[in-house]
Structures are given as C-alpha cells and as structure tokens.
C-alpha cells in the first residue's frame, strides 16, 4: 500500500508541470496594447487596445480599436468677412477612432527555450479599418484686432464632403514571449486617408482648405500582451 502512495505522488508531480504547459499551449485569447507613431501625416501618435482569438496554433482573429491624433499642428489662417480668422485651437490636430478586425497569421517558433517559456516568432495581420474622424468639419475663430491684440468675436463652421471611412491595413511584427507575456515590435501600413475629414472643405473665400496629397499611412509600433 505504501508503494502505491509513492507511485501516485510521483505521477502527480509529473502531471502538474505537464498540465501547466498544456494550459498555456492552449491559450485561446491574447490581450495586447499597441503604441506607435506615424512616419508621415505630420506628426501623429497611435494607441490601440486589441483582443485576439487564437482558434488555431498559427491562425487567429484580432479585434482592435485604434485611437490616433496629430500633435503640434499650427493654426491655419484665412480671411472671413474681411477679418482675419484662424482654426480653433481644439481643431488644429486631426484625430480618428478606427475599428480594426484582422486575421493573425503566425510562423512556427523561430527559436524557443527547452522549457518553452521563451519563444520567438513572426506575425502578419492583414485586416480592415472602419474609421470615424473626431470631426468632419472645421471651425474658424474670427478675430478683431484692437491695440495690436486679436480678440475672437465670432465663429464660422465649414463642413466637409465625401468622407471616406472604409480602408485596408496590414501589420508585421517580431514577437517574443516570456511565459504568458508577449512583446512585439513592427511596422504598420494602411491606405487610411488621414485628411479625409478635411479634404473637401471649402472656405469662405471659395478656396478648398489645403491638405497634403493622399498617401498610405505608415507607422512603427511596440506592444505588450498577455495570453490567457
């Protein structure tokens, strides 16, 4: 009887690490937080919480919500009703909210430790972008100059036409896992027209508000995630 207990204890001691590894190996979800900067679009940051459903060892579905905004943009001046006017302070920086479903494609491990706690692989994520700008119009502050000081006396709003909201995106990353934590670094590209919310605004003088020509949006990013 004593021998039976010893054998049982030995079996349990072996089963515990095996079961722990199996639980990790079969993690169904990964929660990630991405942060990056755009390489064009006149200085813009991006942050994106994302959840992935890993339905296969090398395949999954990801659902992210990107928030992006420009920074340090200057005021743009024009003439309205014979007075100087400039873009309102809170509208100088363009911003978007973007819902991003994508397919996650993983390579087999390029390197891993003997206990599988450390792993390295490459991941690609082609997907769609359903984008909504913070504003689809522009508000100008009309100034009256008195004693060399400009004072806001009125506001004028100009609407945009032809907003584009449907785009594609793709992300490639190098991934390194430490137990359940996943660290990524990579490159992101999309045909998102960052200026779509202003591309067809006509000002009071009959001229269109100037925006840069269309080009693909590109960024670099880092992320941290947790598999569960």
Protein backbone atom coordinates (compact mmCIF):
# COMPACT_ATOMS: atom_id res chain seq x y z
CA UNK A 1 0.00 0.00 0.00
CA UNK A 2 2.86 2.36 0.82
CA UNK A 3 4.40 1.71 -2.60
CA UNK A 4 1.08 2.62 -4.26
CA UNK A 5 1.07 6.01 -2.50
CA UNK A 6 4.65 6.69 -3.56
CA UNK A 7 3.82 5.88 -7.19
CA UNK A 8 0.72 8.11 -7.02
CA UNK A 9 2.73 11.04 -5.63
CA UNK A 10 5.36 10.64 -8.35
CA UNK A 11 2.69 10.57 -11.07
CA UNK A 12 1.04 13.71 -9.69
CA UNK A 13 4.40 15.51 -9.55
CA UNK A 14 4.88 14.78 -13.24
CA UNK A 15 1.33 15.68 -14.23
CA UNK A 16 1.37 19.14 -12.63
CA UNK A 17 4.00 20.74 -14.94
CA UNK A 18 2.60 18.87 -17.94
CA UNK A 19 -0.87 20.21 -17.21
CA UNK A 20 0.53 23.74 -16.66
CA UNK A 21 2.26 23.65 -20.05
CA UNK A 22 -0.87 22.26 -21.72
CA UNK A 23 -2.94 25.13 -20.33
CA UNK A 24 -0.50 27.64 -21.73
CA UNK A 25 -0.18 25.87 -25.07
CA UNK A 26 -3.95 26.01 -25.45
CA UNK A 27 -4.40 29.70 -24.55
CA UNK A 28 -7.42 30.87 -26.51
CA UNK A 29 -7.12 34.66 -26.15
CA UNK A 30 -4.41 37.32 -26.11
CA UNK A 31 -4.94 40.91 -24.95
CA UNK A 32 -2.49 43.44 -26.42
CA UNK A 33 -1.83 47.16 -26.07
CA UNK A 34 -0.10 48.77 -29.08
CA UNK A 35 1.57 52.17 -29.13
CA UNK A 36 3.30 53.83 -32.06
CA UNK A 37 3.98 56.90 -34.15
CA UNK A 38 3.11 57.59 -37.77
CA UNK A 39 6.05 58.11 -40.11
CA UNK A 40 4.10 60.59 -42.24
CA UNK A 41 0.87 62.58 -41.71
CA UNK A 42 2.71 65.45 -39.98
CA UNK A 43 3.40 64.03 -36.51
CA UNK A 44 0.71 61.69 -35.17
CA UNK A 45 0.59 59.09 -32.40
CA UNK A 46 -1.49 55.92 -32.22
CA UNK A 47 -2.62 53.69 -29.37
CA UNK A 48 -4.64 50.52 -29.80
CA UNK A 49 -6.05 48.01 -27.30
CA UNK A 50 -6.69 44.70 -29.05
CA UNK A 51 -8.03 41.21 -28.28
CA UNK A 52 -7.10 38.15 -30.35
CA UNK A 53 -8.94 34.84 -30.57
CA UNK A 54 -6.39 32.09 -31.27
CA UNK A 55 -8.55 29.39 -32.82
CA UNK A 56 -5.52 27.61 -34.34
CA UNK A 57 -1.86 27.26 -33.44
CA UNK A 58 -0.85 29.50 -36.35
CA UNK A 59 -4.08 31.42 -37.03
CA UNK A 60 -6.29 33.80 -35.13
CA UNK A 61 -8.70 36.72 -35.37
CA UNK A 62 -7.88 40.11 -33.85
CA UNK A 63 -10.20 42.97 -32.97
CA UNK A 64 -8.58 46.32 -32.21
CA UNK A 65 -9.73 49.88 -31.56
CA UNK A 66 -7.13 52.43 -32.61
CA UNK A 67 -7.11 56.00 -31.33
CA UNK A 68 -4.81 58.31 -33.27
CA UNK A 69 -4.23 62.05 -33.26
CA UNK A 70 -1.79 64.57 -34.64
CA UNK A 71 0.13 66.91 -32.34
CA UNK A 72 1.92 70.28 -32.55
CA UNK A 73 -0.05 71.42 -35.60
CA UNK A 74 -0.05 75.20 -36.28
CA UNK A 75 -3.14 77.38 -36.63
CA UNK A 76 -4.20 77.87 -40.25
CA UNK A 77 -5.27 81.42 -41.11
CA UNK A 78 -7.75 82.77 -43.67
CA UNK A 79 -9.97 85.82 -44.25
CA UNK A 80 -13.69 85.67 -43.37
CA UNK A 81 -15.95 88.70 -43.99
CA UNK A 82 -12.90 90.92 -44.25
CA UNK A 83 -11.48 89.81 -40.89
CA UNK A 84 -8.55 87.58 -40.06
CA UNK A 85 -9.56 84.13 -38.86
CA UNK A 86 -7.69 81.09 -37.66
CA UNK A 87 -8.51 77.48 -36.95
CA UNK A 88 -9.87 76.87 -33.44
CA UNK A 89 -7.27 75.55 -31.02
CA UNK A 90 -9.09 72.27 -30.33
CA UNK A 91 -9.39 71.50 -34.07
CA UNK A 92 -5.80 72.00 -35.18
CA UNK A 93 -4.92 68.34 -34.68
CA UNK A 94 -6.73 65.71 -36.75
CA UNK A 95 -7.90 62.61 -34.87
CA UNK A 96 -9.54 59.28 -35.71
CA UNK A 97 -11.22 56.33 -33.99
CA UNK A 98 -10.64 53.16 -36.04
CA UNK A 99 -12.18 49.71 -35.52
CA UNK A 100 -9.80 47.10 -36.92
CA UNK A 101 -10.76 43.43 -37.39
CA UNK A 102 -7.89 41.39 -38.83
CA UNK A 103 -6.55 37.89 -39.46
CA UNK A 104 -3.46 36.96 -37.42
CA UNK A 105 -1.02 34.62 -39.17
CA UNK A 106 1.88 33.25 -37.11
CA UNK A 107 5.01 31.39 -38.16
CA UNK A 108 6.26 28.36 -36.23
CA UNK A 109 8.68 29.32 -33.46
CA UNK A 110 11.96 30.59 -34.90
CA UNK A 111 13.55 29.94 -31.52
CA UNK A 112 12.35 28.69 -28.16
CA UNK A 113 13.87 27.62 -24.87
CA UNK A 114 13.86 23.98 -23.79
CA UNK A 115 11.04 24.64 -21.29
CA UNK A 116 9.06 26.67 -23.88
CA UNK A 117 8.93 29.70 -21.57
CA UNK A 118 10.79 31.88 -24.10
CA UNK A 119 9.66 31.90 -27.74
CA UNK A 120 10.35 33.97 -30.85
CA UNK A 121 8.20 34.13 -33.98
CA UNK A 122 6.98 36.46 -36.74
CA UNK A 123 3.37 37.51 -37.17
CA UNK A 124 1.43 39.16 -40.01
CA UNK A 125 -2.04 40.72 -39.65
CA UNK A 126 -3.93 41.79 -42.78
CA UNK A 127 -7.20 43.49 -41.92
CA UNK A 128 -9.83 46.18 -42.44
CA UNK A 129 -10.19 49.67 -40.98
CA UNK A 130 -13.62 51.15 -40.22
CA UNK A 131 -12.67 54.73 -39.44
CA UNK A 132 -14.51 57.70 -37.94
CA UNK A 133 -12.83 61.14 -37.54
CA UNK A 134 -13.27 63.12 -34.34
CA UNK A 135 -14.64 65.92 -36.57
CA UNK A 136 -15.87 66.08 -40.16
CA UNK A 137 -15.83 69.88 -40.29
CA UNK A 138 -13.68 72.88 -39.39
CA UNK A 139 -14.42 75.75 -37.03
CA UNK A 140 -12.65 79.10 -37.50
CA UNK A 141 -12.36 81.86 -34.93
CA UNK A 142 -12.95 85.30 -36.48
CA UNK A 143 -10.58 87.83 -34.92
CA UNK A 144 -10.89 91.55 -34.38
CA UNK A 145 -7.59 93.34 -33.93
CA UNK A 146 -7.62 96.11 -31.32
CA UNK A 147 -4.48 97.68 -29.95
CA UNK A 148 -2.37 95.00 -31.61
CA UNK A 149 -4.27 92.25 -29.77
CA UNK A 150 -6.56 89.78 -31.56
CA UNK A 151 -9.89 89.05 -29.91
CA UNK A 152 -12.35 86.36 -31.02
CA UNK A 153 -15.65 87.99 -31.98
CA UNK A 154 -17.38 85.18 -33.87
CA UNK A 155 -17.10 81.60 -35.12
CA UNK A 156 -17.71 80.08 -38.55
CA UNK A 157 -18.10 76.38 -39.26
CA UNK A 158 -17.28 74.77 -42.62
CA UNK A 159 -18.49 71.25 -43.42
CA UNK A 160 -16.59 68.54 -45.25
CA UNK A 161 -17.96 66.42 -48.10
CA UNK A 162 -17.09 62.96 -49.37
CA UNK A 163 -15.72 61.45 -46.17
CA UNK A 164 -14.00 58.08 -46.71
CA UNK A 165 -14.37 55.62 -43.84
CA UNK A 166 -13.51 52.14 -45.22
CA UNK A 167 -9.84 51.15 -45.64
CA UNK A 168 -7.43 48.19 -45.52
CA UNK A 169 -4.44 47.75 -43.21
CA UNK A 170 -1.59 45.32 -42.61
CA UNK A 171 0.78 44.84 -39.70
CA UNK A 172 4.00 42.79 -39.50
CA UNK A 173 5.75 42.20 -36.19
CA UNK A 174 8.54 40.29 -34.49
CA UNK A 175 7.10 38.64 -31.37
CA UNK A 176 8.91 37.48 -28.24
CA UNK A 177 7.05 35.67 -25.46
CA UNK A 178 8.14 35.31 -21.84
CA UNK A 179 5.80 32.76 -20.33
CA UNK A 180 2.34 34.31 -20.96
CA UNK A 181 3.60 37.83 -21.71
CA UNK A 182 4.09 38.73 -25.38
CA UNK A 183 6.22 41.65 -26.60
CA UNK A 184 6.05 42.87 -30.21
CA UNK A 185 7.81 45.40 -32.41
CA UNK A 186 6.89 46.06 -36.00
CA UNK A 187 5.66 48.05 -38.97
CA UNK A 188 2.10 49.06 -39.92
CA UNK A 189 0.68 50.31 -43.22
CA UNK A 190 -2.82 51.35 -44.31
CA UNK A 191 -4.45 53.25 -47.15
CA UNK A 192 -6.18 55.40 -44.50
CA UNK A 193 -6.55 58.93 -45.84
CA UNK A 194 -5.65 60.79 -42.66
CA UNK A 195 -7.04 64.03 -44.15
CA UNK A 196 -10.33 62.64 -45.46
CA UNK A 197 -12.28 64.64 -42.85
CA UNK A 198 -10.86 67.90 -44.31
CA UNK A 199 -10.09 67.06 -47.92
CA UNK A 200 -13.27 68.66 -49.31
CA UNK A 201 -13.80 71.67 -47.05
CA UNK A 202 -14.47 74.91 -48.97
CA UNK A 203 -13.67 78.10 -47.04
CA UNK A 204 -15.42 81.49 -47.21
CA UNK A 205 -13.11 82.74 -49.99
CA UNK A 206 -14.22 79.85 -52.23
CA UNK A 207 -10.93 78.00 -51.98
CA UNK A 208 -10.52 74.50 -50.62
CA UNK A 209 -8.79 74.02 -47.30
CA UNK A 210 -5.29 72.80 -48.12
CA UNK A 211 -4.32 69.26 -47.12
CA UNK A 212 -1.40 67.09 -48.30
CA UNK A 213 -1.93 64.70 -51.19
CA UNK A 214 -3.21 61.18 -50.49
CA UNK A 215 -0.63 58.62 -49.44
CA UNK A 216 -0.56 55.39 -47.43
CA UNK A 217 -0.31 55.86 -43.69
CA UNK A 218 2.75 54.14 -42.21
CA UNK A 219 3.84 53.70 -38.62
CA UNK A 220 6.18 51.79 -36.33
CA UNK A 221 4.97 50.35 -33.03
CA UNK A 222 5.69 48.42 -29.85
CA UNK A 223 3.20 46.35 -27.87
CA UNK A 224 2.79 44.27 -24.76
CA UNK A 225 0.27 41.48 -24.43
CA UNK A 226 -0.92 38.67 -22.16
CA UNK A 227 -2.14 35.22 -23.25
CA UNK A 228 -4.97 33.63 -21.30
